[in-house]
Amino acid sequence: MDMAACRSFVFDLSLSNFNAKIIRVIVWLSGSSDRSLKPVDIGIMSYFIPPVNYGMIEEDLYRSGIPNELNFPFLERLNLRKIVYLAPEEPNAQLLSFVEEQEIELIVLGGNTKLENRRKAWEPMSEETVLAALDIVLDRGNYPLFLTCHLGRDRTGAVVGCLRKIQQWHLSSIFEEYRRFAGSKVRLQNEQFIELFDTDLVTIPANPPNWIKTHMYNP
């Protein structure tokens, strides 16, 4: 196929029009001298669509917004052991069904706790919730591990920012990473929370992930 002639890819992502783990990809090619566009069906190919704001934090540690049904085939490939759910709203039925089918443990640290229910949506998570999330992140036995909140920006970003402090990142680098995922929705309250977070409150377990050991012994 002449890639120079390729105009665009059109994905039909309607839930009623795709089957299991495949979608039909239509490639529009320039097919005549008047440069009119003709659709050419190149058939069926595998699809793996990551959730919004997906990223790898460290080896076997991932983050994103709340995944939906389109993202589940992608998540299956990660062979997740646990998902830490940080959003203030309750997990939806699709996610609950997915983790049950895949035998993934869903740890809800968001809106179902009494402490978080008392907080406004724009407020940072409580220190207790962040510490609970970090306890899970620092335990190698929980991996492969996935962190998620509504859009994978603020709550997930706060936990990751505090983790980076444990890893002894410079504050400017921590904020750069937070802002990259937050986009135009940066919350100064979250940045202040990260800046003031006391890493002495965190207990490193006896058998943490290897990348934590690297930062501990090579400051």
N, C-alpha and C. Protein backbone atom coordinates (compact mmCIF):
# COMPACT_ATOMS: atom_id res chain seq x y z
N MET A 1 0.85 -1.20 0.00
CA MET A 1 0.00 0.00 0.00
C MET A 1 0.88 1.24 0.00
N ASP A 2 0.54 2.21 -0.85
CA ASP A 2 1.29 3.46 -0.94
C ASP A 2 0.89 4.35 0.22
N MET A 3 1.75 4.44 1.25
CA MET A 3 1.40 5.21 2.43
C MET A 3 1.33 6.69 2.14
N ALA A 4 2.01 7.15 1.08
CA ALA A 4 1.95 8.57 0.74
C ALA A 4 0.56 8.97 0.30
N ALA A 5 -0.21 7.99 -0.19
CA ALA A 5 -1.56 8.28 -0.66
C ALA A 5 -2.59 8.20 0.45
N CYS A 6 -2.16 7.72 1.59
CA CYS A 6 -3.10 7.53 2.70
C CYS A 6 -3.58 8.87 3.25
N ARG A 7 -4.86 9.03 3.37
CA ARG A 7 -5.44 10.28 3.85
C ARG A 7 -5.74 10.23 5.34
N SER A 8 -6.46 9.24 5.76
CA SER A 8 -6.84 9.17 7.16
C SER A 8 -7.37 7.79 7.49
N PHE A 9 -7.45 7.52 8.75
CA PHE A 9 -8.04 6.27 9.22
C PHE A 9 -9.37 6.59 9.88
N VAL A 10 -10.37 5.81 9.56
CA VAL A 10 -11.69 5.98 10.16
C VAL A 10 -12.02 4.72 10.93
N PHE A 11 -12.21 4.85 12.23
CA PHE A 11 -12.50 3.71 13.07
C PHE A 11 -13.98 3.73 13.44
N ASP A 12 -14.66 2.62 13.17
CA ASP A 12 -16.04 2.49 13.63
C ASP A 12 -15.99 1.85 15.00
N LEU A 13 -16.19 2.68 16.05
CA LEU A 13 -16.06 2.18 17.42
C LEU A 13 -17.41 1.96 18.09
N SER A 14 -18.47 1.95 17.31
CA SER A 14 -19.79 1.70 17.89
C SER A 14 -19.81 0.33 18.55
N LEU A 15 -20.27 0.28 19.78
CA LEU A 15 -20.29 -0.99 20.50
C LEU A 15 -21.14 -2.04 19.78
N SER A 16 -22.12 -1.58 18.99
CA SER A 16 -22.98 -2.52 18.30
C SER A 16 -22.35 -3.03 17.01
N ASN A 17 -21.23 -2.46 16.59
CA ASN A 17 -20.66 -2.79 15.29
C ASN A 17 -19.32 -3.50 15.34
N PHE A 18 -18.79 -3.75 16.56
CA PHE A 18 -17.54 -4.50 16.58
C PHE A 18 -17.72 -5.78 17.35
N ASN A 19 -16.89 -6.75 17.01
CA ASN A 19 -17.03 -8.09 17.55
C ASN A 19 -15.81 -8.44 18.40
N ALA A 20 -16.04 -8.65 19.69
CA ALA A 20 -14.98 -9.08 20.61
C ALA A 20 -13.77 -8.18 20.53
N LYS A 21 -12.68 -8.63 19.90
CA LYS A 21 -11.43 -7.90 19.99
C LYS A 21 -10.97 -7.36 18.64
N ILE A 22 -11.89 -7.09 17.72
CA ILE A 22 -11.49 -6.60 16.41
C ILE A 22 -12.38 -5.46 15.97
N ILE A 23 -11.84 -4.59 15.15
CA ILE A 23 -12.63 -3.57 14.49
C ILE A 23 -12.22 -3.52 13.04
N ARG A 24 -13.08 -2.98 12.22
CA ARG A 24 -12.78 -2.83 10.81
C ARG A 24 -12.19 -1.45 10.58
N VAL A 25 -11.06 -1.40 9.93
CA VAL A 25 -10.36 -0.16 9.67
C VAL A 25 -10.53 0.20 8.20
N ILE A 26 -10.99 1.41 7.95
CA ILE A 26 -11.16 1.90 6.59
C ILE A 26 -10.07 2.91 6.30
N VAL A 27 -9.31 2.67 5.26
CA VAL A 27 -8.26 3.59 4.86
C VAL A 27 -8.71 4.33 3.62
N TRP A 28 -8.69 5.64 3.72
CA TRP A 28 -9.10 6.46 2.60
C TRP A 28 -7.87 6.80 1.76
N LEU A 29 -7.91 6.42 0.49
CA LEU A 29 -6.79 6.64 -0.41
C LEU A 29 -7.19 7.58 -1.54
N SER A 30 -6.23 8.33 -2.01
CA SER A 30 -6.44 9.15 -3.19
C SER A 30 -6.40 8.25 -4.40
N GLY A 31 -7.51 8.17 -5.14
CA GLY A 31 -7.59 7.18 -6.20
C GLY A 31 -7.77 7.71 -7.59
N SER A 32 -7.71 9.01 -7.81
CA SER A 32 -7.88 9.51 -9.16
C SER A 32 -7.14 10.83 -9.33
N SER A 33 -7.07 11.27 -10.56
CA SER A 33 -6.33 12.50 -10.85
C SER A 33 -6.96 13.72 -10.23
N ASP A 34 -8.26 13.68 -9.99
CA ASP A 34 -8.90 14.83 -9.36
C ASP A 34 -8.83 14.76 -7.84
N ARG A 35 -8.05 13.79 -7.34
CA ARG A 35 -7.77 13.64 -5.92
C ARG A 35 -9.04 13.38 -5.10
N SER A 36 -10.04 12.80 -5.73
CA SER A 36 -11.22 12.39 -4.97
C SER A 36 -10.83 11.22 -4.08
N LEU A 37 -11.55 11.06 -2.99
CA LEU A 37 -11.20 10.04 -2.02
C LEU A 37 -12.07 8.81 -2.19
N LYS A 38 -11.45 7.65 -2.15
CA LYS A 38 -12.19 6.40 -2.24
C LYS A 38 -11.87 5.55 -1.02
N PRO A 39 -12.90 4.95 -0.43
CA PRO A 39 -12.64 4.08 0.72
C PRO A 39 -12.11 2.73 0.28
N VAL A 40 -11.09 2.24 0.93
CA VAL A 40 -10.55 0.91 0.67
C VAL A 40 -10.54 0.15 1.99
N ASP A 41 -11.30 -0.92 2.03
CA ASP A 41 -11.37 -1.72 3.25
C ASP A 41 -10.15 -2.64 3.32
N ILE A 42 -9.29 -2.42 4.31
CA ILE A 42 -8.11 -3.28 4.44
C ILE A 42 -8.38 -4.43 5.40
N GLY A 43 -9.66 -4.63 5.72
CA GLY A 43 -10.03 -5.82 6.45
C GLY A 43 -10.06 -5.65 7.95
N ILE A 44 -9.81 -6.73 8.62
CA ILE A 44 -9.93 -6.80 10.06
C ILE A 44 -8.55 -6.79 10.71
N MET A 45 -8.40 -6.00 11.74
CA MET A 45 -7.14 -6.01 12.48
C MET A 45 -7.44 -5.91 13.97
N SER A 46 -6.52 -6.36 14.76
CA SER A 46 -6.72 -6.32 16.21
C SER A 46 -6.79 -4.89 16.70
N TYR A 47 -7.57 -4.64 17.74
CA TYR A 47 -7.59 -3.31 18.34
C TYR A 47 -7.25 -3.43 19.81
N PHE A 48 -6.45 -2.50 20.25
CA PHE A 48 -6.14 -2.38 21.66
C PHE A 48 -6.10 -0.90 21.97
N ILE A 49 -7.16 -0.42 22.61
CA ILE A 49 -7.33 1.01 22.82
C ILE A 49 -7.08 1.33 24.29
N PRO A 50 -6.02 2.07 24.60
CA PRO A 50 -5.74 2.39 26.01
C PRO A 50 -6.75 3.38 26.56
N PRO A 51 -6.97 3.38 27.86
CA PRO A 51 -7.88 4.36 28.47
C PRO A 51 -7.31 5.77 28.36
N VAL A 52 -8.17 6.74 28.59
CA VAL A 52 -7.75 8.14 28.56
C VAL A 52 -6.64 8.36 29.59
N ASN A 53 -5.65 9.16 29.22
CA ASN A 53 -4.54 9.50 30.11
C ASN A 53 -3.76 8.28 30.58
N TYR A 54 -3.72 7.26 29.74
CA TYR A 54 -2.95 6.06 30.11
C TYR A 54 -1.45 6.37 30.11
N GLY A 55 -0.74 5.78 31.04
CA GLY A 55 0.71 5.89 31.06
C GLY A 55 1.32 4.83 31.96
N MET A 56 2.57 4.50 31.71
CA MET A 56 3.31 3.59 32.58
C MET A 56 4.13 4.42 33.55
N ILE A 57 3.88 4.24 34.83
CA ILE A 57 4.60 4.99 35.87
C ILE A 57 5.98 4.39 36.08
N GLU A 58 6.01 3.09 36.29
CA GLU A 58 7.23 2.31 36.41
C GLU A 58 6.91 0.92 35.87
N GLU A 59 7.88 0.05 35.88
CA GLU A 59 7.64 -1.30 35.36
C GLU A 59 6.49 -1.97 36.11
N ASP A 60 5.48 -2.41 35.35
CA ASP A 60 4.30 -3.10 35.88
C ASP A 60 3.42 -2.21 36.75
N LEU A 61 3.60 -0.90 36.67
CA LEU A 61 2.76 0.06 37.40
C LEU A 61 2.21 1.06 36.40
N TYR A 62 0.87 1.13 36.30
CA TYR A 62 0.22 1.91 35.26
C TYR A 62 -0.80 2.87 35.85
N ARG A 63 -1.23 3.83 35.02
CA ARG A 63 -2.21 4.83 35.44
C ARG A 63 -3.12 5.17 34.26
N SER A 64 -4.32 5.67 34.58
CA SER A 64 -5.21 6.17 33.53
C SER A 64 -6.48 6.70 34.17
N GLY A 65 -7.36 7.25 33.31
CA GLY A 65 -8.72 7.52 33.72
C GLY A 65 -9.48 6.21 33.83
N ILE A 66 -10.71 6.28 34.30
CA ILE A 66 -11.50 5.05 34.48
C ILE A 66 -11.70 4.37 33.12
N PRO A 67 -11.28 3.13 32.97
CA PRO A 67 -11.43 2.44 31.69
C PRO A 67 -12.88 2.09 31.41
N ASN A 68 -13.21 2.03 30.12
CA ASN A 68 -14.55 1.59 29.71
C ASN A 68 -14.43 0.31 28.88
N GLU A 69 -15.54 -0.12 28.32
CA GLU A 69 -15.57 -1.41 27.61
C GLU A 69 -14.61 -1.45 26.43
N LEU A 70 -14.39 -0.32 25.77
CA LEU A 70 -13.47 -0.29 24.65
C LEU A 70 -12.03 -0.56 25.09
N ASN A 71 -11.74 -0.26 26.33
CA ASN A 71 -10.37 -0.39 26.85
C ASN A 71 -10.07 -1.75 27.46
N PHE A 72 -11.09 -2.54 27.73
CA PHE A 72 -10.87 -3.79 28.45
C PHE A 72 -9.92 -4.76 27.73
N PRO A 73 -10.02 -4.92 26.39
CA PRO A 73 -9.05 -5.80 25.72
C PRO A 73 -7.61 -5.34 25.92
N PHE A 74 -7.40 -4.03 25.96
CA PHE A 74 -6.05 -3.49 26.21
C PHE A 74 -5.60 -3.86 27.62
N LEU A 75 -6.49 -3.68 28.60
CA LEU A 75 -6.12 -3.99 29.99
C LEU A 75 -5.82 -5.47 30.19
N GLU A 76 -6.52 -6.32 29.44
CA GLU A 76 -6.28 -7.76 29.57
C GLU A 76 -4.82 -8.10 29.30
N ARG A 77 -4.19 -7.36 28.39
CA ARG A 77 -2.81 -7.65 28.01
C ARG A 77 -1.81 -7.27 29.11
N LEU A 78 -2.26 -6.48 30.08
CA LEU A 78 -1.37 -6.07 31.16
C LEU A 78 -1.28 -7.12 32.27
N ASN A 79 -2.19 -8.10 32.24
CA ASN A 79 -2.20 -9.17 33.25
C ASN A 79 -2.22 -8.61 34.67
N LEU A 80 -3.14 -7.67 34.89
CA LEU A 80 -3.17 -6.96 36.17
C LEU A 80 -3.55 -7.88 37.33
N ARG A 81 -2.93 -7.63 38.46
CA ARG A 81 -3.29 -8.33 39.69
C ARG A 81 -4.29 -7.50 40.49
N LYS A 82 -4.05 -6.17 40.54
CA LYS A 82 -4.93 -5.30 41.32
C LYS A 82 -5.12 -3.96 40.62
N ILE A 83 -6.28 -3.34 40.86
CA ILE A 83 -6.58 -1.98 40.41
C ILE A 83 -6.93 -1.16 41.64
N VAL A 84 -6.27 -0.02 41.80
CA VAL A 84 -6.58 0.92 42.88
C VAL A 84 -7.49 1.99 42.31
N TYR A 85 -8.71 2.06 42.82
CA TYR A 85 -9.75 2.95 42.30
C TYR A 85 -9.84 4.17 43.22
N LEU A 86 -9.49 5.35 42.68
CA LEU A 86 -9.38 6.56 43.49
C LEU A 86 -10.50 7.57 43.25
N ALA A 87 -11.38 7.30 42.31
CA ALA A 87 -12.42 8.26 41.95
C ALA A 87 -13.43 8.42 43.08
N PRO A 88 -14.06 9.62 43.20
CA PRO A 88 -15.05 9.83 44.26
C PRO A 88 -16.36 9.09 44.02
N GLU A 89 -16.68 8.80 42.75
CA GLU A 89 -17.91 8.06 42.46
C GLU A 89 -17.68 6.56 42.58
N GLU A 90 -18.77 5.82 42.74
CA GLU A 90 -18.68 4.37 42.86
C GLU A 90 -18.26 3.76 41.52
N PRO A 91 -17.55 2.63 41.53
CA PRO A 91 -17.21 1.95 40.28
C PRO A 91 -18.47 1.56 39.52
N ASN A 92 -18.42 1.66 38.19
CA ASN A 92 -19.60 1.32 37.39
C ASN A 92 -19.70 -0.20 37.20
N ALA A 93 -20.86 -0.62 36.73
CA ALA A 93 -21.14 -2.05 36.61
C ALA A 93 -20.21 -2.73 35.62
N GLN A 94 -19.86 -2.03 34.53
CA GLN A 94 -18.99 -2.62 33.51
C GLN A 94 -17.61 -2.93 34.09
N LEU A 95 -17.07 -1.99 34.87
CA LEU A 95 -15.75 -2.22 35.46
C LEU A 95 -15.81 -3.35 36.49
N LEU A 96 -16.86 -3.37 37.29
CA LEU A 96 -17.00 -4.43 38.29
C LEU A 96 -17.09 -5.80 37.63
N SER A 97 -17.82 -5.87 36.52
CA SER A 97 -17.94 -7.13 35.79
C SER A 97 -16.59 -7.55 35.19
N PHE A 98 -15.86 -6.57 34.66
CA PHE A 98 -14.56 -6.87 34.04
C PHE A 98 -13.57 -7.43 35.07
N VAL A 99 -13.45 -6.78 36.22
CA VAL A 99 -12.47 -7.24 37.21
C VAL A 99 -12.86 -8.62 37.75
N GLU A 100 -14.16 -8.87 37.83
CA GLU A 100 -14.60 -10.19 38.30
C GLU A 100 -14.23 -11.27 37.28
N GLU A 101 -14.48 -10.98 36.00
CA GLU A 101 -14.16 -11.94 34.95
C GLU A 101 -12.66 -12.21 34.86
N GLN A 102 -11.86 -11.16 35.05
CA GLN A 102 -10.41 -11.29 34.91
C GLN A 102 -9.71 -11.66 36.23
N GLU A 103 -10.50 -11.82 37.29
CA GLU A 103 -9.96 -12.15 38.61
C GLU A 103 -8.92 -11.12 39.06
N ILE A 104 -9.28 -9.85 38.86
CA ILE A 104 -8.46 -8.73 39.31
C ILE A 104 -9.07 -8.18 40.59
N GLU A 105 -8.25 -7.94 41.59
CA GLU A 105 -8.76 -7.36 42.84
C GLU A 105 -8.92 -5.85 42.67
N LEU A 106 -10.12 -5.34 42.91
CA LEU A 106 -10.40 -3.91 42.83
C LEU A 106 -10.39 -3.33 44.24
N ILE A 107 -9.45 -2.43 44.49
CA ILE A 107 -9.33 -1.79 45.80
C ILE A 107 -9.88 -0.38 45.69
N VAL A 108 -11.00 -0.13 46.33
CA VAL A 108 -11.69 1.16 46.22
C VAL A 108 -11.26 2.07 47.36
N LEU A 109 -10.56 3.14 47.03
CA LEU A 109 -10.12 4.11 48.03
C LEU A 109 -10.79 5.47 47.81
N GLY A 110 -11.78 5.50 46.94
CA GLY A 110 -12.42 6.77 46.60
C GLY A 110 -13.68 7.03 47.38
N GLY A 111 -14.79 7.25 46.65
CA GLY A 111 -16.01 7.81 47.24
C GLY A 111 -16.77 6.91 48.17
N ASN A 112 -16.41 5.64 48.28
CA ASN A 112 -17.19 4.80 49.18
C ASN A 112 -16.72 4.90 50.63
N THR A 113 -15.62 5.61 50.88
CA THR A 113 -15.14 5.74 52.25
C THR A 113 -15.76 6.96 52.91
N LYS A 114 -16.02 6.87 54.19
CA LYS A 114 -16.66 7.98 54.90
C LYS A 114 -15.83 9.25 54.82
N LEU A 115 -14.53 9.09 54.91
CA LEU A 115 -13.65 10.26 54.91
C LEU A 115 -13.71 11.00 53.58
N GLU A 116 -13.63 10.26 52.47
CA GLU A 116 -13.62 10.92 51.16
C GLU A 116 -14.99 11.49 50.80
N ASN A 117 -16.05 10.91 51.30
CA ASN A 117 -17.39 11.43 51.01
C ASN A 117 -17.60 12.81 51.59
N ARG A 118 -16.83 13.19 52.59
CA ARG A 118 -16.99 14.50 53.20
C ARG A 118 -16.20 15.58 52.46
N ARG A 119 -15.45 15.21 51.45
CA ARG A 119 -14.60 16.16 50.76
C ARG A 119 -15.27 16.65 49.48
N LYS A 120 -15.01 17.91 49.13
CA LYS A 120 -15.52 18.46 47.89
C LYS A 120 -14.77 17.85 46.71
N ALA A 121 -15.41 17.88 45.52
CA ALA A 121 -14.80 17.27 44.34
C ALA A 121 -13.47 17.92 43.98
N TRP A 122 -13.35 19.23 44.25
CA TRP A 122 -12.14 19.95 43.86
C TRP A 122 -11.03 19.86 44.90
N GLU A 123 -11.34 19.30 46.07
CA GLU A 123 -10.34 19.21 47.12
C GLU A 123 -9.40 18.04 46.88
N PRO A 124 -8.13 18.18 47.28
CA PRO A 124 -7.22 17.03 47.18
C PRO A 124 -7.71 15.88 48.05
N MET A 125 -7.26 14.70 47.74
CA MET A 125 -7.59 13.56 48.60
C MET A 125 -7.00 13.75 49.99
N SER A 126 -7.54 13.04 50.92
CA SER A 126 -7.00 13.11 52.28
C SER A 126 -5.61 12.47 52.31
N GLU A 127 -4.82 12.90 53.26
CA GLU A 127 -3.49 12.32 53.43
C GLU A 127 -3.59 10.83 53.72
N GLU A 128 -4.62 10.44 54.49
CA GLU A 128 -4.81 9.02 54.83
C GLU A 128 -5.04 8.18 53.57
N THR A 129 -5.83 8.72 52.62
CA THR A 129 -6.11 7.98 51.40
C THR A 129 -4.85 7.83 50.55
N VAL A 130 -4.08 8.91 50.44
CA VAL A 130 -2.83 8.85 49.68
C VAL A 130 -1.86 7.85 50.30
N LEU A 131 -1.76 7.86 51.63
CA LEU A 131 -0.87 6.91 52.30
C LEU A 131 -1.33 5.47 52.08
N ALA A 132 -2.64 5.26 52.09
CA ALA A 132 -3.17 3.92 51.83
C ALA A 132 -2.82 3.47 50.41
N ALA A 133 -2.95 4.39 49.45
CA ALA A 133 -2.60 4.06 48.06
C ALA A 133 -1.11 3.76 47.93
N LEU A 134 -0.27 4.54 48.59
CA LEU A 134 1.17 4.33 48.51
C LEU A 134 1.58 3.01 49.16
N ASP A 135 0.90 2.63 50.23
CA ASP A 135 1.19 1.32 50.85
C ASP A 135 0.99 0.20 49.85
N ILE A 136 -0.05 0.33 49.02
CA ILE A 136 -0.33 -0.68 48.00
C ILE A 136 0.73 -0.63 46.90
N VAL A 137 1.07 0.58 46.47
CA VAL A 137 2.04 0.77 45.39
C VAL A 137 3.42 0.23 45.79
N LEU A 138 3.78 0.35 47.04
CA LEU A 138 5.12 -0.03 47.49
C LEU A 138 5.26 -1.51 47.83
N ASP A 139 4.17 -2.26 47.69
CA ASP A 139 4.19 -3.70 47.98
C ASP A 139 4.32 -4.47 46.67
N ARG A 140 5.45 -5.09 46.47
CA ARG A 140 5.71 -5.81 45.22
C ARG A 140 4.68 -6.90 44.96
N GLY A 141 4.09 -7.43 46.01
CA GLY A 141 3.10 -8.50 45.85
C GLY A 141 1.82 -8.07 45.16
N ASN A 142 1.62 -6.76 44.95
CA ASN A 142 0.40 -6.27 44.31
C ASN A 142 0.55 -6.10 42.80
N TYR A 143 1.70 -6.42 42.26
CA TYR A 143 1.97 -6.14 40.86
C TYR A 143 1.65 -7.32 39.96
N PRO A 144 1.31 -6.98 38.69
CA PRO A 144 1.12 -5.70 38.01
C PRO A 144 -0.06 -4.93 38.59
N LEU A 145 0.11 -3.61 38.69
CA LEU A 145 -0.82 -2.76 39.43
C LEU A 145 -1.25 -1.58 38.57
N PHE A 146 -2.51 -1.16 38.77
CA PHE A 146 -3.09 -0.09 37.95
C PHE A 146 -3.76 0.93 38.86
N LEU A 147 -3.47 2.22 38.66
CA LEU A 147 -4.10 3.31 39.41
C LEU A 147 -5.07 4.04 38.49
N THR A 148 -6.27 4.33 38.99
CA THR A 148 -7.24 5.02 38.14
C THR A 148 -8.12 5.95 38.96
N CYS A 149 -8.51 7.05 38.33
CA CYS A 149 -9.54 7.95 38.86
C CYS A 149 -10.33 8.46 37.66
N HIS A 150 -11.21 9.42 37.84
CA HIS A 150 -12.16 9.82 36.80
C HIS A 150 -11.49 9.99 35.44
N LEU A 151 -10.58 10.95 35.32
CA LEU A 151 -9.86 11.17 34.06
C LEU A 151 -8.36 10.91 34.20
N GLY A 152 -7.96 10.33 35.30
CA GLY A 152 -6.56 10.00 35.49
C GLY A 152 -5.67 11.21 35.68
N ARG A 153 -6.26 12.31 36.18
CA ARG A 153 -5.49 13.56 36.29
C ARG A 153 -5.15 13.88 37.73
N ASP A 154 -6.16 14.26 38.51
CA ASP A 154 -5.91 14.90 39.80
C ASP A 154 -5.61 13.90 40.91
N ARG A 155 -6.50 12.98 41.17
CA ARG A 155 -6.29 12.04 42.27
C ARG A 155 -5.14 11.08 41.96
N THR A 156 -5.16 10.53 40.78
CA THR A 156 -4.05 9.68 40.38
C THR A 156 -2.76 10.48 40.34
N GLY A 157 -2.84 11.71 39.82
CA GLY A 157 -1.66 12.57 39.75
C GLY A 157 -1.08 12.89 41.12
N ALA A 158 -1.95 13.06 42.12
CA ALA A 158 -1.48 13.35 43.47
C ALA A 158 -0.72 12.16 44.05
N VAL A 159 -1.26 10.97 43.86
CA VAL A 159 -0.58 9.77 44.36
C VAL A 159 0.76 9.58 43.66
N VAL A 160 0.77 9.75 42.35
CA VAL A 160 2.02 9.59 41.60
C VAL A 160 3.02 10.66 42.02
N GLY A 161 2.55 11.90 42.22
CA GLY A 161 3.45 12.96 42.65
C GLY A 161 4.11 12.66 43.98
N CYS A 162 3.33 12.13 44.92
CA CYS A 162 3.89 11.77 46.23
C CYS A 162 4.85 10.59 46.10
N LEU A 163 4.53 9.66 45.20
CA LEU A 163 5.46 8.56 44.94
C LEU A 163 6.79 9.09 44.40
N ARG A 164 6.72 10.08 43.51
CA ARG A 164 7.95 10.65 42.95
C ARG A 164 8.79 11.33 44.04
N LYS A 165 8.14 11.89 45.05
CA LYS A 165 8.90 12.46 46.17
C LYS A 165 9.66 11.36 46.91
N ILE A 166 9.02 10.22 47.09
CA ILE A 166 9.70 9.09 47.71
C ILE A 166 10.90 8.67 46.86
N GLN A 167 10.74 8.78 45.54
CA GLN A 167 11.82 8.43 44.62
C GLN A 167 12.87 9.53 44.51
N GLN A 168 12.66 10.61 45.25
CA GLN A 168 13.62 11.71 45.32
C GLN A 168 13.75 12.47 43.99
N TRP A 169 12.64 12.57 43.27
CA TRP A 169 12.61 13.43 42.08
C TRP A 169 12.67 14.89 42.52
N HIS A 170 13.22 15.74 41.65
CA HIS A 170 13.15 17.17 41.88
C HIS A 170 11.69 17.63 41.74
N LEU A 171 11.30 18.61 42.53
CA LEU A 171 9.92 19.07 42.53
C LEU A 171 9.50 19.58 41.15
N SER A 172 10.40 20.23 40.44
CA SER A 172 10.06 20.73 39.10
C SER A 172 9.70 19.59 38.16
N SER A 173 10.39 18.46 38.28
CA SER A 173 10.10 17.30 37.44
C SER A 173 8.77 16.66 37.84
N ILE A 174 8.48 16.65 39.13
CA ILE A 174 7.21 16.11 39.61
C ILE A 174 6.05 16.92 39.06
N PHE A 175 6.16 18.24 39.12
CA PHE A 175 5.09 19.10 38.62
C PHE A 175 4.96 19.01 37.11
N GLU A 176 6.08 18.84 36.42
CA GLU A 176 6.01 18.71 34.96
C GLU A 176 5.21 17.48 34.58
N GLU A 177 5.44 16.37 35.29
CA GLU A 177 4.69 15.15 35.01
C GLU A 177 3.22 15.34 35.36
N TYR A 178 2.94 15.94 36.51
CA TYR A 178 1.55 16.17 36.91
C TYR A 178 0.83 17.02 35.87
N ARG A 179 1.46 18.09 35.40
CA ARG A 179 0.82 19.00 34.45
C ARG A 179 0.64 18.36 33.08
N ARG A 180 1.54 17.47 32.73
CA ARG A 180 1.42 16.80 31.43
C ARG A 180 0.14 15.98 31.36
N PHE A 181 -0.24 15.36 32.46
CA PHE A 181 -1.48 14.58 32.47
C PHE A 181 -2.69 15.45 32.78
N ALA A 182 -2.52 16.51 33.55
CA ALA A 182 -3.65 17.38 33.91
C ALA A 182 -4.05 18.31 32.79
N GLY A 183 -3.14 18.63 31.89
CA GLY A 183 -3.45 19.54 30.79
C GLY A 183 -3.83 20.91 31.30
N SER A 184 -4.96 21.41 30.81
CA SER A 184 -5.43 22.74 31.21
C SER A 184 -6.16 22.72 32.55
N LYS A 185 -6.30 21.55 33.17
CA LYS A 185 -7.08 21.40 34.40
C LYS A 185 -6.18 21.25 35.64
N VAL A 186 -5.02 21.89 35.60
CA VAL A 186 -4.11 21.82 36.74
C VAL A 186 -4.77 22.42 37.97
N ARG A 187 -4.68 21.74 39.09
CA ARG A 187 -5.22 22.25 40.35
C ARG A 187 -4.06 22.58 41.28
N LEU A 188 -3.96 23.85 41.64
CA LEU A 188 -2.87 24.29 42.50
C LEU A 188 -2.93 23.61 43.86
N GLN A 189 -4.16 23.25 44.30
CA GLN A 189 -4.28 22.57 45.59
C GLN A 189 -3.54 21.23 45.57
N ASN A 190 -3.59 20.54 44.42
CA ASN A 190 -2.89 19.26 44.31
C ASN A 190 -1.38 19.46 44.32
N GLU A 191 -0.92 20.49 43.62
CA GLU A 191 0.52 20.75 43.60
C GLU A 191 1.01 21.12 45.00
N GLN A 192 0.21 21.90 45.72
CA GLN A 192 0.59 22.26 47.09
C GLN A 192 0.60 21.01 47.98
N PHE A 193 -0.39 20.14 47.79
CA PHE A 193 -0.45 18.91 48.57
C PHE A 193 0.81 18.08 48.34
N ILE A 194 1.21 17.94 47.07
CA ILE A 194 2.41 17.17 46.74
C ILE A 194 3.65 17.81 47.37
N GLU A 195 3.74 19.13 47.25
CA GLU A 195 4.92 19.84 47.77
C GLU A 195 5.06 19.66 49.28
N LEU A 196 3.94 19.69 50.00
CA LEU A 196 3.98 19.62 51.46
C LEU A 196 3.93 18.19 52.00
N PHE A 197 3.75 17.22 51.12
CA PHE A 197 3.62 15.83 51.56
C PHE A 197 4.90 15.38 52.27
N ASP A 198 4.72 14.79 53.44
CA ASP A 198 5.84 14.36 54.27
C ASP A 198 6.16 12.89 53.98
N THR A 199 7.24 12.64 53.28
CA THR A 199 7.59 11.27 52.92
C THR A 199 8.00 10.44 54.14
N ASP A 200 8.29 11.09 55.25
CA ASP A 200 8.64 10.34 56.47
C ASP A 200 7.44 9.56 57.01
N LEU A 201 6.24 9.90 56.55
CA LEU A 201 5.04 9.18 56.97
C LEU A 201 4.92 7.82 56.28
N VAL A 202 5.72 7.62 55.24
CA VAL A 202 5.63 6.41 54.43
C VAL A 202 6.65 5.38 54.93
N THR A 203 6.18 4.17 55.13
CA THR A 203 7.06 3.08 55.54
C THR A 203 7.37 2.21 54.32
N ILE A 204 8.64 2.11 53.98
CA ILE A 204 9.04 1.25 52.86
C ILE A 204 9.05 -0.20 53.35
N PRO A 205 8.30 -1.09 52.69
CA PRO A 205 8.25 -2.48 53.15
C PRO A 205 9.58 -3.20 52.91
N ALA A 206 9.69 -4.39 53.44
CA ALA A 206 10.94 -5.15 53.33
C ALA A 206 11.22 -5.60 51.91
N ASN A 207 10.16 -5.76 51.10
CA ASN A 207 10.34 -6.28 49.75
C ASN A 207 9.63 -5.37 48.74
N PRO A 208 10.12 -4.14 48.56
CA PRO A 208 9.47 -3.21 47.65
C PRO A 208 9.82 -3.53 46.19
N PRO A 209 9.19 -2.87 45.23
CA PRO A 209 9.58 -3.04 43.83
C PRO A 209 11.05 -2.67 43.63
N ASN A 210 11.67 -3.28 42.63
CA ASN A 210 13.10 -3.06 42.40
C ASN A 210 13.43 -1.60 42.11
N TRP A 211 12.51 -0.89 41.44
CA TRP A 211 12.81 0.49 41.09
C TRP A 211 12.83 1.40 42.32
N ILE A 212 12.12 1.02 43.38
CA ILE A 212 12.21 1.78 44.63
C ILE A 212 13.58 1.55 45.27
N LYS A 213 14.07 0.33 45.23
CA LYS A 213 15.38 0.03 45.79
C LYS A 213 16.46 0.86 45.10
N THR A 214 16.33 1.00 43.80
CA THR A 214 17.31 1.76 43.03
C THR A 214 17.39 3.19 43.53
N HIS A 215 16.24 3.81 43.76
CA HIS A 215 16.22 5.19 44.23
C HIS A 215 16.67 5.32 45.68
N MET A 216 16.39 4.29 46.48
CA MET A 216 16.78 4.34 47.88
C MET A 216 18.30 4.30 48.05
N TYR A 217 18.94 3.49 47.22
CA TYR A 217 20.38 3.28 47.39
C TYR A 217 21.23 4.13 46.46
N ASN A 218 20.55 4.84 45.54
CA ASN A 218 21.27 5.72 44.62
C ASN A 218 20.60 7.08 44.60
N PRO A 219 20.64 7.84 45.69
CA PRO A 219 19.93 9.11 45.78
C PRO A 219 20.55 10.13 44.82
